[in-house]
Amino acid sequence: HIYTEWDQVLERKGAHHPALNPYLLEANRGCRMEYTPDMCHKSLDIANRTVMIATHPEHKAPDVKDIIGNINDAAAAIL
């Protein structure tokens, strides 16, 4: 999850019911409450260079070798 895609965080809507909204709780009054889509430059830079690779625990060795080969091919095409 990337916070820039969480409207609830950016719009301070933390729950369906106001009593559960952390932005409205007295105990959180001293916490940061404003979030902007560009505030975490380093995290966003890392996220922009991250790839999610789906795997499954029942993949057999040949499947894993194919996946590794595909990753290596894709990496070689980029470099």
PDB file of N, CA and C in Angstrom:
ATOM      1  N   HIS A   1       0.832  -1.173   0.000  1.00  0.00           N
ATOM      2  CA  HIS A   1       0.000   0.000   0.000  1.00  0.00           C
ATOM      3  C   HIS A   1       0.882   1.242   0.000  1.00  0.00           C
ATOM      4  N   ILE A   2       0.494   2.213  -0.789  1.00  0.00           N
ATOM      5  CA  ILE A   2       1.196   3.485  -0.843  1.00  0.00           C
ATOM      6  C   ILE A   2       0.238   4.571  -0.362  1.00  0.00           C
ATOM      7  N   TYR A   3       0.696   5.363   0.593  1.00  0.00           N
ATOM      8  CA  TYR A   3      -0.192   6.355   1.207  1.00  0.00           C
ATOM      9  C   TYR A   3      -0.755   7.355   0.206  1.00  0.00           C
ATOM     10  N   THR A   4      -0.058   7.575  -0.906  1.00  0.00           N
ATOM     11  CA  THR A   4      -0.549   8.535  -1.900  1.00  0.00           C
ATOM     12  C   THR A   4      -1.854   8.073  -2.545  1.00  0.00           C
ATOM     13  N   GLU A   5      -2.168   6.794  -2.392  1.00  0.00           N
ATOM     14  CA  GLU A   5      -3.400   6.237  -2.954  1.00  0.00           C
ATOM     15  C   GLU A   5      -4.477   6.040  -1.897  1.00  0.00           C
ATOM     16  N   TRP A   6      -4.208   6.417  -0.670  1.00  0.00           N
ATOM     17  CA  TRP A   6      -5.165   6.252   0.418  1.00  0.00           C
ATOM     18  C   TRP A   6      -5.894   7.566   0.644  1.00  0.00           C
ATOM     19  N   ASP A   7      -7.021   7.718   0.006  1.00  0.00           N
ATOM     20  CA  ASP A   7      -7.812   8.939   0.177  1.00  0.00           C
ATOM     21  C   ASP A   7      -8.175   9.165   1.639  1.00  0.00           C
ATOM     22  N   GLN A   8      -8.405   8.078   2.378  1.00  0.00           N
ATOM     23  CA  GLN A   8      -8.780   8.209   3.780  1.00  0.00           C
ATOM     24  C   GLN A   8      -7.688   8.920   4.581  1.00  0.00           C
ATOM     25  N   VAL A   9      -6.435   8.653   4.258  1.00  0.00           N
ATOM     26  CA  VAL A   9      -5.320   9.310   4.957  1.00  0.00           C
ATOM     27  C   VAL A   9      -5.206  10.757   4.505  1.00  0.00           C
ATOM     28  N   LEU A  10      -5.212  10.961   3.205  1.00  0.00           N
ATOM     29  CA  LEU A  10      -5.038  12.322   2.679  1.00  0.00           C
ATOM     30  C   LEU A  10      -6.203  13.235   3.038  1.00  0.00           C
ATOM     31  N   GLU A  11      -7.394  12.663   3.190  1.00  0.00           N
ATOM     32  CA  GLU A  11      -8.585  13.465   3.507  1.00  0.00           C
ATOM     33  C   GLU A  11      -8.966  13.383   4.982  1.00  0.00           C
ATOM     34  N   ARG A  12      -8.127  12.722   5.791  1.00  0.00           N
ATOM     35  CA  ARG A  12      -8.349  12.589   7.235  1.00  0.00           C
ATOM     36  C   ARG A  12      -9.691  11.929   7.551  1.00  0.00           C
ATOM     37  N   LYS A  13      -9.978  10.866   6.830  1.00  0.00           N
ATOM     38  CA  LYS A  13     -11.196  10.088   7.066  1.00  0.00           C
ATOM     39  C   LYS A  13     -10.766   8.690   7.503  1.00  0.00           C
ATOM     40  N   GLY A  14     -10.549   8.537   8.786  1.00  0.00           N
ATOM     41  CA  GLY A  14      -9.972   7.299   9.281  1.00  0.00           C
ATOM     42  C   GLY A  14     -10.928   6.183   9.608  1.00  0.00           C
ATOM     43  N   ALA A  15     -12.228   6.407   9.557  1.00  0.00           N
ATOM     44  CA  ALA A  15     -13.168   5.346   9.905  1.00  0.00           C
ATOM     45  C   ALA A  15     -14.551   5.689   9.366  1.00  0.00           C
ATOM     46  N   HIS A  16     -15.391   4.678   9.310  1.00  0.00           N
ATOM     47  CA  HIS A  16     -16.766   4.898   8.840  1.00  0.00           C
ATOM     48  C   HIS A  16     -17.605   5.647   9.869  1.00  0.00           C
ATOM     49  N   HIS A  17     -17.215   5.516  11.122  1.00  0.00           N
ATOM     50  CA  HIS A  17     -17.976   6.183  12.195  1.00  0.00           C
ATOM     51  C   HIS A  17     -17.072   7.220  12.872  1.00  0.00           C
ATOM     52  N   PRO A  18     -17.551   8.430  13.091  1.00  0.00           N
ATOM     53  CA  PRO A  18     -16.721   9.483  13.694  1.00  0.00           C
ATOM     54  C   PRO A  18     -16.079   9.086  15.026  1.00  0.00           C
ATOM     55  N   ALA A  19     -16.742   8.248  15.801  1.00  0.00           N
ATOM     56  CA  ALA A  19     -16.186   7.840  17.091  1.00  0.00           C
ATOM     57  C   ALA A  19     -14.937   6.977  16.942  1.00  0.00           C
ATOM     58  N   LEU A  20     -14.741   6.396  15.767  1.00  0.00           N
ATOM     59  CA  LEU A  20     -13.582   5.542  15.523  1.00  0.00           C
ATOM     60  C   LEU A  20     -12.510   6.228  14.674  1.00  0.00           C
ATOM     61  N   ASN A  21     -12.752   7.445  14.268  1.00  0.00           N
ATOM     62  CA  ASN A  21     -11.825   8.170  13.409  1.00  0.00           C
ATOM     63  C   ASN A  21     -10.629   8.648  14.228  1.00  0.00           C
ATOM     64  N   PRO A  22      -9.416   8.107  13.977  1.00  0.00           N
ATOM     65  CA  PRO A  22      -8.249   8.494  14.778  1.00  0.00           C
ATOM     66  C   PRO A  22      -7.903   9.979  14.660  1.00  0.00           C
ATOM     67  N   TYR A  23      -8.331  10.616  13.582  1.00  0.00           N
ATOM     68  CA  TYR A  23      -8.039  12.036  13.403  1.00  0.00           C
ATOM     69  C   TYR A  23      -8.886  12.908  14.334  1.00  0.00           C
ATOM     70  N   LEU A  24      -9.950  12.347  14.868  1.00  0.00           N
ATOM     71  CA  LEU A  24     -10.840  13.099  15.752  1.00  0.00           C
ATOM     72  C   LEU A  24     -10.641  12.749  17.232  1.00  0.00           C
ATOM     73  N   LEU A  25      -9.820  11.763  17.528  1.00  0.00           N
ATOM     74  CA  LEU A  25      -9.640  11.329  18.908  1.00  0.00           C
ATOM     75  C   LEU A  25      -8.794  12.323  19.696  1.00  0.00           C
ATOM     76  N   GLU A  26      -9.241  12.629  20.880  1.00  0.00           N
ATOM     77  CA  GLU A  26      -8.527  13.557  21.768  1.00  0.00           C
ATOM     78  C   GLU A  26      -7.095  13.081  22.020  1.00  0.00           C
ATOM     79  N   ALA A  27      -6.911  11.782  22.204  1.00  0.00           N
ATOM     80  CA  ALA A  27      -5.585  11.228  22.490  1.00  0.00           C
ATOM     81  C   ALA A  27      -4.592  11.465  21.353  1.00  0.00           C
ATOM     82  N   ASN A  28      -5.076  11.701  20.152  1.00  0.00           N
ATOM     83  CA  ASN A  28      -4.198  11.910  18.992  1.00  0.00           C
ATOM     84  C   ASN A  28      -4.010  13.378  18.632  1.00  0.00           C
ATOM     85  N   ARG A  29      -4.497  14.250  19.462  1.00  0.00           N
ATOM     86  CA  ARG A  29      -4.468  15.677  19.141  1.00  0.00           C
ATOM     87  C   ARG A  29      -3.055  16.189  18.839  1.00  0.00           C
ATOM     88  N   GLY A  30      -2.039  15.627  19.476  1.00  0.00           N
ATOM     89  CA  GLY A  30      -0.660  16.072  19.258  1.00  0.00           C
ATOM     90  C   GLY A  30       0.045  15.391  18.098  1.00  0.00           C
ATOM     91  N   CYS A  31      -0.603  14.465  17.456  1.00  0.00           N
ATOM     92  CA  CYS A  31       0.010  13.730  16.334  1.00  0.00           C
ATOM     93  C   CYS A  31      -0.088  14.527  15.040  1.00  0.00           C
ATOM     94  N   ARG A  32       0.785  14.183  14.107  1.00  0.00           N
ATOM     95  CA  ARG A  32       0.703  14.800  12.778  1.00  0.00           C
ATOM     96  C   ARG A  32      -0.652  14.453  12.172  1.00  0.00           C
ATOM     97  N   MET A  33      -1.285  15.427  11.582  1.00  0.00           N
ATOM     98  CA  MET A  33      -2.609  15.212  11.009  1.00  0.00           C
ATOM     99  C   MET A  33      -2.674  15.553   9.524  1.00  0.00           C
ATOM    100  N   GLU A  34      -1.686  16.207   8.995  1.00  0.00           N
ATOM    101  CA  GLU A  34      -1.710  16.607   7.587  1.00  0.00           C
ATOM    102  C   GLU A  34      -0.744  15.742   6.786  1.00  0.00           C
ATOM    103  N   TYR A  35      -1.253  15.163   5.745  1.00  0.00           N
ATOM    104  CA  TYR A  35      -0.452  14.330   4.857  1.00  0.00           C
ATOM    105  C   TYR A  35      -0.656  14.808   3.430  1.00  0.00           C
ATOM    106  N   THR A  36       0.440  14.905   2.685  1.00  0.00           N
ATOM    107  CA  THR A  36       0.356  15.327   1.291  1.00  0.00           C
ATOM    108  C   THR A  36       0.992  14.252   0.414  1.00  0.00           C
ATOM    109  N   PRO A  37       0.577  14.146  -0.831  1.00  0.00           N
ATOM    110  CA  PRO A  37       1.094  13.090  -1.705  1.00  0.00           C
ATOM    111  C   PRO A  37       2.594  13.174  -1.977  1.00  0.00           C
ATOM    112  N   ASP A  38       3.218  14.293  -1.692  1.00  0.00           N
ATOM    113  CA  ASP A  38       4.643  14.442  -2.025  1.00  0.00           C
ATOM    114  C   ASP A  38       5.542  14.549  -0.800  1.00  0.00           C
ATOM    115  N   MET A  39       5.075  14.154   0.361  1.00  0.00           N
ATOM    116  CA  MET A  39       5.836  14.403   1.578  1.00  0.00           C
ATOM    117  C   MET A  39       6.917  13.357   1.887  1.00  0.00           C
ATOM    118  N   CYS A  40       6.891  12.214   1.295  1.00  0.00           N
ATOM    119  CA  CYS A  40       7.865  11.151   1.602  1.00  0.00           C
ATOM    120  C   CYS A  40       8.676  10.816   0.349  1.00  0.00           C
ATOM    121  N   HIS A  41       9.526  11.729  -0.049  1.00  0.00           N
ATOM    122  CA  HIS A  41      10.269  11.592  -1.310  1.00  0.00           C
ATOM    123  C   HIS A  41      11.083  10.301  -1.390  1.00  0.00           C
ATOM    124  N   LYS A  42      11.813   9.974  -0.322  1.00  0.00           N
ATOM    125  CA  LYS A  42      12.658   8.777  -0.354  1.00  0.00           C
ATOM    126  C   LYS A  42      11.812   7.515  -0.471  1.00  0.00           C
ATOM    127  N   SER A  43      10.733   7.451   0.289  1.00  0.00           N
ATOM    128  CA  SER A  43       9.862   6.270   0.233  1.00  0.00           C
ATOM    129  C   SER A  43       9.229   6.124  -1.144  1.00  0.00           C
ATOM    130  N   LEU A  44       8.790   7.234  -1.711  1.00  0.00           N
ATOM    131  CA  LEU A  44       8.180   7.183  -3.043  1.00  0.00           C
ATOM    132  C   LEU A  44       9.204   6.793  -4.100  1.00  0.00           C
ATOM    133  N   ASP A  45      10.446   7.244  -3.958  1.00  0.00           N
ATOM    134  CA  ASP A  45      11.501   6.861  -4.891  1.00  0.00           C
ATOM    135  C   ASP A  45      11.725   5.350  -4.852  1.00  0.00           C
ATOM    136  N   ILE A  46      11.783   4.803  -3.646  1.00  0.00           N
ATOM    137  CA  ILE A  46      11.953   3.346  -3.501  1.00  0.00           C
ATOM    138  C   ILE A  46      10.744   2.611  -4.071  1.00  0.00           C
ATOM    139  N   ALA A  47       9.557   3.073  -3.755  1.00  0.00           N
ATOM    140  CA  ALA A  47       8.336   2.416  -4.244  1.00  0.00           C
ATOM    141  C   ALA A  47       8.269   2.440  -5.769  1.00  0.00           C
ATOM    142  N   ASN A  48       8.737   3.512  -6.379  1.00  0.00           N
ATOM    143  CA  ASN A  48       8.714   3.616  -7.837  1.00  0.00           C
ATOM    144  C   ASN A  48       9.697   2.667  -8.511  1.00  0.00           C
ATOM    145  N   ARG A  49      10.644   2.139  -7.739  1.00  0.00           N
ATOM    146  CA  ARG A  49      11.615   1.194  -8.287  1.00  0.00           C
ATOM    147  C   ARG A  49      11.351  -0.234  -7.811  1.00  0.00           C
ATOM    148  N   THR A  50      10.195  -0.456  -7.222  1.00  0.00           N
ATOM    149  CA  THR A  50       9.858  -1.752  -6.646  1.00  0.00           C
ATOM    150  C   THR A  50       8.933  -2.519  -7.584  1.00  0.00           C
ATOM    151  N   VAL A  51       9.130  -3.823  -7.619  1.00  0.00           N
ATOM    152  CA  VAL A  51       8.302  -4.692  -8.453  1.00  0.00           C
ATOM    153  C   VAL A  51       7.697  -5.771  -7.564  1.00  0.00           C
ATOM    154  N   MET A  52       6.424  -6.054  -7.758  1.00  0.00           N
ATOM    155  CA  MET A  52       5.777  -7.133  -7.036  1.00  0.00           C
ATOM    156  C   MET A  52       5.759  -8.360  -7.940  1.00  0.00           C
ATOM    157  N   ILE A  53       6.278  -9.449  -7.422  1.00  0.00           N
ATOM    158  CA  ILE A  53       6.317 -10.691  -8.179  1.00  0.00           C
ATOM    159  C   ILE A  53       5.454 -11.709  -7.444  1.00  0.00           C
ATOM    160  N   ALA A  54       4.372 -12.110  -8.077  1.00  0.00           N
ATOM    161  CA  ALA A  54       3.468 -13.073  -7.457  1.00  0.00           C
ATOM    162  C   ALA A  54       4.109 -14.454  -7.435  1.00  0.00           C
ATOM    163  N   THR A  55       4.016 -15.106  -6.313  1.00  0.00           N
ATOM    164  CA  THR A  55       4.514 -16.472  -6.176  1.00  0.00           C
ATOM    165  C   THR A  55       3.435 -17.312  -5.501  1.00  0.00           C
ATOM    166  N   HIS A  56       3.650 -18.592  -5.505  1.00  0.00           N
ATOM    167  CA  HIS A  56       2.686 -19.501  -4.881  1.00  0.00           C
ATOM    168  C   HIS A  56       3.477 -20.621  -4.218  1.00  0.00           C
ATOM    169  N   PRO A  57       3.097 -21.033  -3.021  1.00  0.00           N
ATOM    170  CA  PRO A  57       3.852 -22.081  -2.327  1.00  0.00           C
ATOM    171  C   PRO A  57       3.840 -23.432  -3.038  1.00  0.00           C
ATOM    172  N   GLU A  58       2.923 -23.626  -3.964  1.00  0.00           N
ATOM    173  CA  GLU A  58       2.874 -24.905  -4.672  1.00  0.00           C
ATOM    174  C   GLU A  58       3.622 -24.883  -6.005  1.00  0.00           C
ATOM    175  N   HIS A  59       4.349 -23.788  -6.287  1.00  0.00           N
ATOM    176  CA  HIS A  59       5.173 -23.789  -7.496  1.00  0.00           C
ATOM    177  C   HIS A  59       6.225 -24.888  -7.385  1.00  0.00           C
ATOM    178  N   LYS A  60       6.397 -25.597  -8.461  1.00  0.00           N
ATOM    179  CA  LYS A  60       7.411 -26.641  -8.523  1.00  0.00           C
ATOM    180  C   LYS A  60       8.717 -26.032  -9.021  1.00  0.00           C
ATOM    181  N   ALA A  61       9.806 -26.765  -8.851  1.00  0.00           N
ATOM    182  CA  ALA A  61      11.130 -26.268  -9.226  1.00  0.00           C
ATOM    183  C   ALA A  61      11.180 -25.748 -10.669  1.00  0.00           C
ATOM    184  N   PRO A  62      10.596 -26.448 -11.652  1.00  0.00           N
ATOM    185  CA  PRO A  62      10.636 -25.916 -13.024  1.00  0.00           C
ATOM    186  C   PRO A  62       9.906 -24.572 -13.152  1.00  0.00           C
ATOM    187  N   ASP A  63       8.802 -24.416 -12.402  1.00  0.00           N
ATOM    188  CA  ASP A  63       8.072 -23.142 -12.430  1.00  0.00           C
ATOM    189  C   ASP A  63       8.951 -22.023 -11.875  1.00  0.00           C
ATOM    190  N   VAL A  64       9.627 -22.308 -10.771  1.00  0.00           N
ATOM    191  CA  VAL A  64      10.490 -21.302 -10.143  1.00  0.00           C
ATOM    192  C   VAL A  64      11.636 -20.937 -11.092  1.00  0.00           C
ATOM    193  N   LYS A  65      12.196 -21.938 -11.765  1.00  0.00           N
ATOM    194  CA  LYS A  65      13.271 -21.650 -12.729  1.00  0.00           C
ATOM    195  C   LYS A  65      12.763 -20.760 -13.855  1.00  0.00           C
ATOM    196  N   ASP A  66      11.554 -21.017 -14.323  1.00  0.00           N
ATOM    197  CA  ASP A  66      10.958 -20.173 -15.376  1.00  0.00           C
ATOM    198  C   ASP A  66      10.765 -18.741 -14.895  1.00  0.00           C
ATOM    199  N   ILE A  67      10.266 -18.601 -13.670  1.00  0.00           N
ATOM    200  CA  ILE A  67      10.054 -17.258 -13.112  1.00  0.00           C
ATOM    201  C   ILE A  67      11.387 -16.526 -13.002  1.00  0.00           C
ATOM    202  N   ILE A  68      12.402 -17.202 -12.484  1.00  0.00           N
ATOM    203  CA  ILE A  68      13.730 -16.587 -12.358  1.00  0.00           C
ATOM    204  C   ILE A  68      14.264 -16.200 -13.728  1.00  0.00           C
ATOM    205  N   GLY A  69      14.075 -17.063 -14.703  1.00  0.00           N
ATOM    206  CA  GLY A  69      14.523 -16.743 -16.065  1.00  0.00           C
ATOM    207  C   GLY A  69      13.807 -15.525 -16.622  1.00  0.00           C
ATOM    208  N   ASN A  70      12.513 -15.439 -16.389  1.00  0.00           N
ATOM    209  CA  ASN A  70      11.743 -14.273 -16.860  1.00  0.00           C
ATOM    210  C   ASN A  70      12.203 -12.991 -16.181  1.00  0.00           C
ATOM    211  N   ILE A  71      12.491 -13.076 -14.887  1.00  0.00           N
ATOM    212  CA  ILE A  71      12.983 -11.893 -14.167  1.00  0.00           C
ATOM    213  C   ILE A  71      14.340 -11.469 -14.723  1.00  0.00           C
ATOM    214  N   ASN A  72      15.220 -12.434 -14.925  1.00  0.00           N
ATOM    215  CA  ASN A  72      16.538 -12.109 -15.481  1.00  0.00           C
ATOM    216  C   ASN A  72      16.427 -11.515 -16.877  1.00  0.00           C
ATOM    217  N   ASP A  73      15.540 -12.047 -17.709  1.00  0.00           N
ATOM    218  CA  ASP A  73      15.347 -11.505 -19.048  1.00  0.00           C
ATOM    219  C   ASP A  73      14.837 -10.064 -18.998  1.00  0.00           C
ATOM    220  N   ALA A  74      13.882  -9.830 -18.102  1.00  0.00           N
ATOM    221  CA  ALA A  74      13.329  -8.479 -17.980  1.00  0.00           C
ATOM    222  C   ALA A  74      14.398  -7.504 -17.478  1.00  0.00           C
ATOM    223  N   ALA A  75      15.196  -7.930 -16.506  1.00  0.00           N
ATOM    224  CA  ALA A  75      16.257  -7.078 -15.972  1.00  0.00           C
ATOM    225  C   ALA A  75      17.291  -6.770 -17.054  1.00  0.00           C
ATOM    226  N   ALA A  76      17.630  -7.774 -17.839  1.00  0.00           N
ATOM    227  CA  ALA A  76      18.634  -7.576 -18.905  1.00  0.00           C
ATOM    228  C   ALA A  76      18.107  -6.598 -19.956  1.00  0.00           C
ATOM    229  N   ALA A  77      16.811  -6.645 -20.218  1.00  0.00           N
ATOM    230  CA  ALA A  77      16.227  -5.727 -21.210  1.00  0.00           C
ATOM    231  C   ALA A  77      16.252  -4.281 -20.727  1.00  0.00           C
ATOM    232  N   ILE A  78      16.181  -4.088 -19.426  1.00  0.00           N
ATOM    233  CA  ILE A  78      16.194  -2.735 -18.863  1.00  0.00           C
ATOM    234  C   ILE A  78      17.617  -2.179 -18.818  1.00  0.00           C
ATOM    235  N   LEU A  79      18.549  -3.038 -18.457  1.00  0.00           N
ATOM    236  CA  LEU A  79      19.939  -2.595 -18.307  1.00  0.00           C
ATOM    237  C   LEU A  79      20.582  -2.540 -19.622  1.00  0.00           C
TER     238      LEU A  79
END
